[in-house]
Amino acid sequence: MSTPTLERIRGKFLVFDGVDGAGKGSQLQLLGEALTAAGIPWVQAKDPGGTEIGDRIRHVLLDYDLSKMDVRCEALLFMASRAQLVHDVIDPALASGKTVLCDRFVSATCAYQGAAGYDPTRVIELARFAINTTWPHLTLIFDVAAEEGLERTGRRPKSKKKNGDVHGQVRLFHDTHPDAMEHRPLDFHQKVRNMFLDLPAIYPAPIAIINGAGDVDDVRKKMMEAIDRAAL
């Protein structure tokens, strides 16, 4: 049976984001299951990739030595994948009245690249071309301390600071190389968290920060309350 909260997001575009280990994937699946049970059609999207062309771009970004690639070139490749995702998945779903739940989006690029020293407002400028007007109706950022998130994932970043990953190139996303996380120090993850928390001041679409501490049910309740409060 549908509820007023679920009806609020019928035909809307929601993004789930946050530091690694914050639990965004679990909450996306819980909300998707609730939509299915309520008879509300929805589509899941994942960024980067998620389309035939986007996955090819992702393959280039994941499986090759990018030490000679300029960071702007890398950013453009990620935005190209995102543009295809909007064209092939997100826009058609919204046009047909389906709800879209997306695992990461422009917000992730702002946070991770911002933590690497790149101006997130430039990321937003680039995104305006890549996605046109298809900004999320609501971005849910699940917040936990960087240490807690890494403990949840079982990853142990090195304490020694490095400016790049195994190939010497700073990545826009946490998962652009299987070993990338192990080559990023704790202070980088802390910067990522701070970038997410600061994002509402500059992001051109609504953001709700959700305390990701507690068990899955507690966080789900906080998520539903945030959806109720959002101006959708």
C-alpha atoms as a PDB file:
ATOM      1  CA  MET A   1       0.000   0.000   0.000  1.00  0.00           C
ATOM      2  CA  SER A   2       1.263   3.420  -0.927  1.00  0.00           C
ATOM      3  CA  THR A   3       1.887   6.084   1.691  1.00  0.00           C
ATOM      4  CA  PRO A   4       1.902   9.893   1.449  1.00  0.00           C
ATOM      5  CA  THR A   5       5.696   9.858   1.711  1.00  0.00           C
ATOM      6  CA  LEU A   6       6.092   7.415  -1.167  1.00  0.00           C
ATOM      7  CA  GLU A   7       3.544   9.302  -3.257  1.00  0.00           C
ATOM      8  CA  ARG A   8       5.650  12.437  -2.810  1.00  0.00           C
ATOM      9  CA  ILE A   9       8.467  10.866  -4.817  1.00  0.00           C
ATOM     10  CA  ARG A  10       6.357   9.319  -7.557  1.00  0.00           C
ATOM     11  CA  GLY A  11       7.956  10.388 -10.827  1.00  0.00           C
ATOM     12  CA  LYS A  12      10.821  12.158  -9.048  1.00  0.00           C
ATOM     13  CA  PHE A  13      14.598  11.878  -9.402  1.00  0.00           C
ATOM     14  CA  LEU A  14      16.419  11.069  -6.156  1.00  0.00           C
ATOM     15  CA  VAL A  15      20.165  10.652  -5.680  1.00  0.00           C
ATOM     16  CA  PHE A  16      21.826   8.693  -2.874  1.00  0.00           C
ATOM     17  CA  ASP A  17      25.303   9.873  -1.965  1.00  0.00           C
ATOM     18  CA  GLY A  18      27.820  10.188   0.842  1.00  0.00           C
ATOM     19  CA  VAL A  19      31.187   8.979   2.033  1.00  0.00           C
ATOM     20  CA  ASP A  20      32.154   5.370   1.524  1.00  0.00           C
ATOM     21  CA  GLY A  21      30.478   3.131   4.069  1.00  0.00           C
ATOM     22  CA  ALA A  22      27.687   5.602   4.844  1.00  0.00           C
ATOM     23  CA  GLY A  23      25.023   3.065   3.855  1.00  0.00           C
ATOM     24  CA  LYS A  24      23.549   4.828   0.827  1.00  0.00           C
ATOM     25  CA  GLY A  25      23.262   1.611  -1.185  1.00  0.00           C
ATOM     26  CA  SER A  26      21.278  -0.144   1.522  1.00  0.00           C
ATOM     27  CA  GLN A  27      18.884   2.772   1.851  1.00  0.00           C
ATOM     28  CA  LEU A  28      18.411   2.977  -1.916  1.00  0.00           C
ATOM     29  CA  GLN A  29      17.409  -0.675  -1.990  1.00  0.00           C
ATOM     30  CA  LEU A  30      15.057  -0.289   0.974  1.00  0.00           C
ATOM     31  CA  LEU A  31      13.298   2.639  -0.648  1.00  0.00           C
ATOM     32  CA  GLY A  32      13.114   0.771  -3.946  1.00  0.00           C
ATOM     33  CA  GLU A  33      11.529  -2.220  -2.238  1.00  0.00           C
ATOM     34  CA  ALA A  34       8.990   0.081  -0.591  1.00  0.00           C
ATOM     35  CA  LEU A  35       8.125   1.633  -3.956  1.00  0.00           C
ATOM     36  CA  THR A  36       7.669  -1.802  -5.499  1.00  0.00           C
ATOM     37  CA  ALA A  37       5.405  -2.901  -2.652  1.00  0.00           C
ATOM     38  CA  ALA A  38       3.377   0.292  -3.097  1.00  0.00           C
ATOM     39  CA  GLY A  39       2.953  -0.311  -6.826  1.00  0.00           C
ATOM     40  CA  ILE A  40       4.976   2.766  -7.752  1.00  0.00           C
ATOM     41  CA  PRO A  41       7.177   2.138 -10.819  1.00  0.00           C
ATOM     42  CA  TRP A  42      10.823   3.037 -10.395  1.00  0.00           C
ATOM     43  CA  VAL A  43      14.181   2.697 -12.103  1.00  0.00           C
ATOM     44  CA  GLN A  44      17.599   2.302 -10.531  1.00  0.00           C
ATOM     45  CA  ALA A  45      20.550   4.143 -12.042  1.00  0.00           C
ATOM     46  CA  LYS A  46      24.241   4.074 -11.200  1.00  0.00           C
ATOM     47  CA  ASP A  47      26.803   6.775 -11.848  1.00  0.00           C
ATOM     48  CA  PRO A  48      29.318   6.430 -13.479  1.00  0.00           C
ATOM     49  CA  GLY A  49      28.299   3.870 -16.103  1.00  0.00           C
ATOM     50  CA  GLY A  50      24.820   2.429 -16.229  1.00  0.00           C
ATOM     51  CA  THR A  51      24.495   2.433 -20.022  1.00  0.00           C
ATOM     52  CA  GLU A  52      26.210   0.561 -22.845  1.00  0.00           C
ATOM     53  CA  ILE A  53      28.237   3.614 -23.832  1.00  0.00           C
ATOM     54  CA  GLY A  54      28.727   4.741 -20.250  1.00  0.00           C
ATOM     55  CA  ASP A  55      30.122   1.349 -19.305  1.00  0.00           C
ATOM     56  CA  ARG A  56      32.631   1.591 -22.156  1.00  0.00           C
ATOM     57  CA  ILE A  57      33.767   4.970 -20.822  1.00  0.00           C
ATOM     58  CA  ARG A  58      33.939   3.480 -17.337  1.00  0.00           C
ATOM     59  CA  HIS A  59      36.117   0.681 -18.728  1.00  0.00           C
ATOM     60  CA  VAL A  60      38.597   3.258 -20.026  1.00  0.00           C
ATOM     61  CA  LEU A  61      38.645   5.007 -16.672  1.00  0.00           C
ATOM     62  CA  LEU A  62      38.979   1.834 -14.606  1.00  0.00           C
ATOM     63  CA  ASP A  63      41.247  -0.434 -16.542  1.00  0.00           C
ATOM     64  CA  TYR A  64      44.032   1.706 -17.953  1.00  0.00           C
ATOM     65  CA  ASP A  65      47.009   3.612 -16.626  1.00  0.00           C
ATOM     66  CA  LEU A  66      45.789   7.213 -16.641  1.00  0.00           C
ATOM     67  CA  SER A  67      48.946   8.802 -15.233  1.00  0.00           C
ATOM     68  CA  LYS A  68      49.330  10.928 -18.375  1.00  0.00           C
ATOM     69  CA  MET A  69      45.671  11.963 -18.514  1.00  0.00           C
ATOM     70  CA  ASP A  70      44.936  15.566 -17.596  1.00  0.00           C
ATOM     71  CA  VAL A  71      42.420  15.828 -14.764  1.00  0.00           C
ATOM     72  CA  ARG A  72      40.142  17.910 -17.024  1.00  0.00           C
ATOM     73  CA  CYS A  73      40.124  15.124 -19.601  1.00  0.00           C
ATOM     74  CA  GLU A  74      39.199  12.660 -16.884  1.00  0.00           C
ATOM     75  CA  ALA A  75      36.426  14.945 -15.658  1.00  0.00           C
ATOM     76  CA  LEU A  76      35.046  15.237 -19.175  1.00  0.00           C
ATOM     77  CA  LEU A  77      34.977  11.459 -19.544  1.00  0.00           C
ATOM     78  CA  PHE A  78      32.986  11.104 -16.340  1.00  0.00           C
ATOM     79  CA  MET A  79      30.587  13.817 -17.463  1.00  0.00           C
ATOM     80  CA  ALA A  80      30.248  12.103 -20.849  1.00  0.00           C
ATOM     81  CA  SER A  81      29.178   8.909 -19.081  1.00  0.00           C
ATOM     82  CA  ARG A  82      26.727  10.926 -17.000  1.00  0.00           C
ATOM     83  CA  ALA A  83      25.292  12.662 -20.070  1.00  0.00           C
ATOM     84  CA  GLN A  84      24.564   9.265 -21.622  1.00  0.00           C
ATOM     85  CA  LEU A  85      22.967   8.060 -18.390  1.00  0.00           C
ATOM     86  CA  VAL A  86      20.619  11.040 -18.410  1.00  0.00           C
ATOM     87  CA  HIS A  87      19.803  10.534 -22.091  1.00  0.00           C
ATOM     88  CA  ASP A  88      19.292   6.758 -21.993  1.00  0.00           C
ATOM     89  CA  VAL A  89      17.904   6.121 -18.515  1.00  0.00           C
ATOM     90  CA  ILE A  90      16.956   9.085 -16.366  1.00  0.00           C
ATOM     91  CA  ASP A  91      15.103  11.357 -18.792  1.00  0.00           C
ATOM     92  CA  PRO A  92      13.047   8.533 -20.395  1.00  0.00           C
ATOM     93  CA  ALA A  93      12.086   7.173 -16.966  1.00  0.00           C
ATOM     94  CA  LEU A  94      10.976  10.565 -15.715  1.00  0.00           C
ATOM     95  CA  ALA A  95       9.069  11.223 -18.935  1.00  0.00           C
ATOM     96  CA  SER A  96       7.098   8.009 -18.369  1.00  0.00           C
ATOM     97  CA  GLY A  97       6.269   8.935 -14.783  1.00  0.00           C
ATOM     98  CA  LYS A  98       8.719   6.567 -13.110  1.00  0.00           C
ATOM     99  CA  THR A  99      10.715   7.389 -10.007  1.00  0.00           C
ATOM    100  CA  VAL A 100      14.492   7.311 -10.483  1.00  0.00           C
ATOM    101  CA  LEU A 101      16.801   6.276  -7.642  1.00  0.00           C
ATOM    102  CA  CYS A 102      20.429   6.926  -8.573  1.00  0.00           C
ATOM    103  CA  ASP A 103      23.559   5.745  -6.779  1.00  0.00           C
ATOM    104  CA  ARG A 104      25.793   8.873  -6.847  1.00  0.00           C
ATOM    105  CA  PHE A 105      25.645  11.770  -9.280  1.00  0.00           C
ATOM    106  CA  VAL A 106      27.230  15.210  -9.720  1.00  0.00           C
ATOM    107  CA  SER A 107      27.343  15.602  -5.940  1.00  0.00           C
ATOM    108  CA  ALA A 108      29.959  12.833  -5.712  1.00  0.00           C
ATOM    109  CA  THR A 109      32.189  14.522  -8.262  1.00  0.00           C
ATOM    110  CA  CYS A 110      31.981  17.767  -6.303  1.00  0.00           C
ATOM    111  CA  ALA A 111      32.949  16.069  -3.047  1.00  0.00           C
ATOM    112  CA  TYR A 112      35.713  13.749  -4.221  1.00  0.00           C
ATOM    113  CA  GLN A 113      37.298  16.120  -6.700  1.00  0.00           C
ATOM    114  CA  GLY A 114      36.826  18.991  -4.262  1.00  0.00           C
ATOM    115  CA  ALA A 115      38.722  16.999  -1.658  1.00  0.00           C
ATOM    116  CA  ALA A 116      41.499  16.592  -4.213  1.00  0.00           C
ATOM    117  CA  GLY A 117      41.747  20.388  -4.502  1.00  0.00           C
ATOM    118  CA  TYR A 118      39.561  21.062  -7.533  1.00  0.00           C
ATOM    119  CA  ASP A 119      36.956  23.832  -7.321  1.00  0.00           C
ATOM    120  CA  PRO A 120      33.540  22.130  -7.066  1.00  0.00           C
ATOM    121  CA  THR A 121      31.866  25.136  -8.695  1.00  0.00           C
ATOM    122  CA  ARG A 122      33.770  24.255 -11.859  1.00  0.00           C
ATOM    123  CA  VAL A 123      32.392  20.725 -11.644  1.00  0.00           C
ATOM    124  CA  ILE A 124      28.888  22.190 -11.445  1.00  0.00           C
ATOM    125  CA  GLU A 125      29.558  24.388 -14.477  1.00  0.00           C
ATOM    126  CA  LEU A 126      30.630  21.338 -16.457  1.00  0.00           C
ATOM    127  CA  ALA A 127      27.613  19.396 -15.245  1.00  0.00           C
ATOM    128  CA  ARG A 128      25.225  22.071 -16.511  1.00  0.00           C
ATOM    129  CA  PHE A 129      26.310  21.168 -20.036  1.00  0.00           C
ATOM    130  CA  ALA A 130      26.413  17.399 -19.468  1.00  0.00           C
ATOM    131  CA  ILE A 131      22.985  16.974 -17.857  1.00  0.00           C
ATOM    132  CA  ASN A 132      21.236  20.141 -19.076  1.00  0.00           C
ATOM    133  CA  THR A 133      18.306  20.715 -16.702  1.00  0.00           C
ATOM    134  CA  THR A 134      18.072  17.181 -15.326  1.00  0.00           C
ATOM    135  CA  TRP A 135      19.112  17.920 -11.755  1.00  0.00           C
ATOM    136  CA  PRO A 136      17.820  15.679  -8.964  1.00  0.00           C
ATOM    137  CA  HIS A 137      14.613  16.679  -7.235  1.00  0.00           C
ATOM    138  CA  LEU A 138      16.408  15.659  -4.036  1.00  0.00           C
ATOM    139  CA  THR A 139      19.899  14.453  -3.168  1.00  0.00           C
ATOM    140  CA  LEU A 140      20.114  12.423   0.037  1.00  0.00           C
ATOM    141  CA  ILE A 141      23.585  12.608   1.535  1.00  0.00           C
ATOM    142  CA  PHE A 142      24.181  10.020   4.234  1.00  0.00           C
ATOM    143  CA  ASP A 143      26.725  11.325   6.698  1.00  0.00           C
ATOM    144  CA  VAL A 144      29.008   9.306   8.961  1.00  0.00           C
ATOM    145  CA  ALA A 145      32.490  10.010  10.265  1.00  0.00           C
ATOM    146  CA  ALA A 146      35.159   9.010   7.764  1.00  0.00           C
ATOM    147  CA  GLU A 147      36.647   6.565  10.241  1.00  0.00           C
ATOM    148  CA  GLU A 148      33.312   4.843  10.774  1.00  0.00           C
ATOM    149  CA  GLY A 149      32.624   4.605   7.069  1.00  0.00           C
ATOM    150  CA  LEU A 150      35.990   3.024   6.370  1.00  0.00           C
ATOM    151  CA  GLU A 151      35.542   0.624   9.259  1.00  0.00           C
ATOM    152  CA  ARG A 152      32.220  -0.470   7.776  1.00  0.00           C
ATOM    153  CA  THR A 153      33.854  -1.186   4.423  1.00  0.00           C
ATOM    154  CA  GLY A 154      36.800  -2.969   5.998  1.00  0.00           C
ATOM    155  CA  ARG A 155      39.245  -0.713   4.158  1.00  0.00           C
ATOM    156  CA  ARG A 156      42.349   0.698   5.809  1.00  0.00           C
ATOM    157  CA  PRO A 157      43.793   3.684   3.955  1.00  0.00           C
ATOM    158  CA  LYS A 158      47.453   4.402   4.417  1.00  0.00           C
ATOM    159  CA  SER A 159      48.268   7.150   6.873  1.00  0.00           C
ATOM    160  CA  LYS A 160      50.927   8.637   4.636  1.00  0.00           C
ATOM    161  CA  LYS A 161      49.473  11.268   2.355  1.00  0.00           C
ATOM    162  CA  LYS A 162      49.608  10.753  -1.380  1.00  0.00           C
ATOM    163  CA  ASN A 163      48.355  13.037  -4.127  1.00  0.00           C
ATOM    164  CA  GLY A 164      47.255  10.321  -6.517  1.00  0.00           C
ATOM    165  CA  ASP A 165      46.298   6.716  -6.848  1.00  0.00           C
ATOM    166  CA  VAL A 166      48.313   3.736  -8.003  1.00  0.00           C
ATOM    167  CA  HIS A 167      48.821   5.350 -11.396  1.00  0.00           C
ATOM    168  CA  GLY A 168      49.621   8.809 -10.063  1.00  0.00           C
ATOM    169  CA  GLN A 169      46.350  10.419 -11.106  1.00  0.00           C
ATOM    170  CA  VAL A 170      43.785  11.805  -8.674  1.00  0.00           C
ATOM    171  CA  ARG A 171      40.415  10.143  -9.255  1.00  0.00           C
ATOM    172  CA  LEU A 172      37.021  11.789  -9.396  1.00  0.00           C
ATOM    173  CA  PHE A 173      35.319   8.786  -7.772  1.00  0.00           C
ATOM    174  CA  HIS A 174      36.264   6.399  -4.985  1.00  0.00           C
ATOM    175  CA  ASP A 175      35.922   3.317  -7.168  1.00  0.00           C
ATOM    176  CA  THR A 176      37.770   4.270 -10.347  1.00  0.00           C
ATOM    177  CA  HIS A 177      40.405   1.642  -9.621  1.00  0.00           C
ATOM    178  CA  PRO A 178      40.048  -1.508  -7.529  1.00  0.00           C
ATOM    179  CA  ASP A 179      42.937  -0.456  -5.264  1.00  0.00           C
ATOM    180  CA  ALA A 180      42.340   3.267  -5.209  1.00  0.00           C
ATOM    181  CA  MET A 181      40.838   3.399  -1.726  1.00  0.00           C
ATOM    182  CA  GLU A 182      43.844   1.715  -0.152  1.00  0.00           C
ATOM    183  CA  HIS A 183      46.038   4.460  -1.562  1.00  0.00           C
ATOM    184  CA  ARG A 184      44.064   7.326  -0.047  1.00  0.00           C
ATOM    185  CA  PRO A 185      44.818   8.540   3.461  1.00  0.00           C
ATOM    186  CA  LEU A 186      42.258   9.124   6.167  1.00  0.00           C
ATOM    187  CA  ASP A 187      42.537  12.897   5.859  1.00  0.00           C
ATOM    188  CA  PHE A 188      41.351  12.648   2.249  1.00  0.00           C
ATOM    189  CA  HIS A 189      38.193  10.838   3.357  1.00  0.00           C
ATOM    190  CA  GLN A 190      37.659  13.472   6.024  1.00  0.00           C
ATOM    191  CA  LYS A 191      37.904  16.179   3.370  1.00  0.00           C
ATOM    192  CA  VAL A 192      35.376  14.308   1.244  1.00  0.00           C
ATOM    193  CA  ARG A 193      32.962  14.272   4.162  1.00  0.00           C
ATOM    194  CA  ASN A 194      33.440  18.004   4.712  1.00  0.00           C
ATOM    195  CA  MET A 195      32.839  18.682   1.022  1.00  0.00           C
ATOM    196  CA  PHE A 196      29.550  16.779   1.189  1.00  0.00           C
ATOM    197  CA  LEU A 197      28.491  18.729   4.283  1.00  0.00           C
ATOM    198  CA  ASP A 198      29.337  22.052   2.602  1.00  0.00           C
ATOM    199  CA  LEU A 199      27.618  21.158  -0.661  1.00  0.00           C
ATOM    200  CA  PRO A 200      24.132  22.597   0.125  1.00  0.00           C
ATOM    201  CA  ALA A 201      25.616  26.102  -0.013  1.00  0.00           C
ATOM    202  CA  ILE A 202      26.646  25.799  -3.675  1.00  0.00           C
ATOM    203  CA  TYR A 203      24.653  22.945  -5.200  1.00  0.00           C
ATOM    204  CA  PRO A 204      21.923  24.027  -7.653  1.00  0.00           C
ATOM    205  CA  ALA A 205      19.432  21.376  -6.471  1.00  0.00           C
ATOM    206  CA  PRO A 206      17.933  20.426  -3.075  1.00  0.00           C
ATOM    207  CA  ILE A 207      20.098  18.434  -0.669  1.00  0.00           C
ATOM    208  CA  ALA A 208      19.164  16.708   2.587  1.00  0.00           C
ATOM    209  CA  ILE A 209      21.924  15.683   4.988  1.00  0.00           C
ATOM    210  CA  ILE A 210      20.977  12.526   6.882  1.00  0.00           C
ATOM    211  CA  ASN A 211      22.789  11.234   9.942  1.00  0.00           C
ATOM    212  CA  GLY A 212      23.913   7.801   8.835  1.00  0.00           C
ATOM    213  CA  ALA A 213      24.831   6.610  12.338  1.00  0.00           C
ATOM    214  CA  GLY A 214      22.668   3.895  13.880  1.00  0.00           C
ATOM    215  CA  ASP A 215      21.175   0.737  12.489  1.00  0.00           C
ATOM    216  CA  VAL A 216      19.590   0.403   9.057  1.00  0.00           C
ATOM    217  CA  ASP A 217      16.033   0.897  10.326  1.00  0.00           C
ATOM    218  CA  ASP A 218      16.955   4.055  12.243  1.00  0.00           C
ATOM    219  CA  VAL A 219      18.583   5.551   9.155  1.00  0.00           C
ATOM    220  CA  ARG A 220      15.630   4.536   6.990  1.00  0.00           C
ATOM    221  CA  LYS A 221      13.308   6.419   9.338  1.00  0.00           C
ATOM    222  CA  LYS A 222      15.519   9.514   9.117  1.00  0.00           C
ATOM    223  CA  MET A 223      15.505   9.202   5.325  1.00  0.00           C
ATOM    224  CA  MET A 224      11.724   9.070   5.150  1.00  0.00           C
ATOM    225  CA  GLU A 225      11.472  12.081   7.458  1.00  0.00           C
ATOM    226  CA  ALA A 226      13.870  13.992   5.215  1.00  0.00           C
ATOM    227  CA  ILE A 227      11.725  13.166   2.183  1.00  0.00           C
ATOM    228  CA  ASP A 228       8.649  14.399   4.046  1.00  0.00           C
ATOM    229  CA  ARG A 229      10.386  17.707   4.787  1.00  0.00           C
ATOM    230  CA  ALA A 230      11.753  18.248   1.288  1.00  0.00           C
ATOM    231  CA  ALA A 231      10.171  20.711  -1.087  1.00  0.00           C
ATOM    232  CA  LEU A 232       9.393  18.266  -3.878  1.00  0.00           C
END
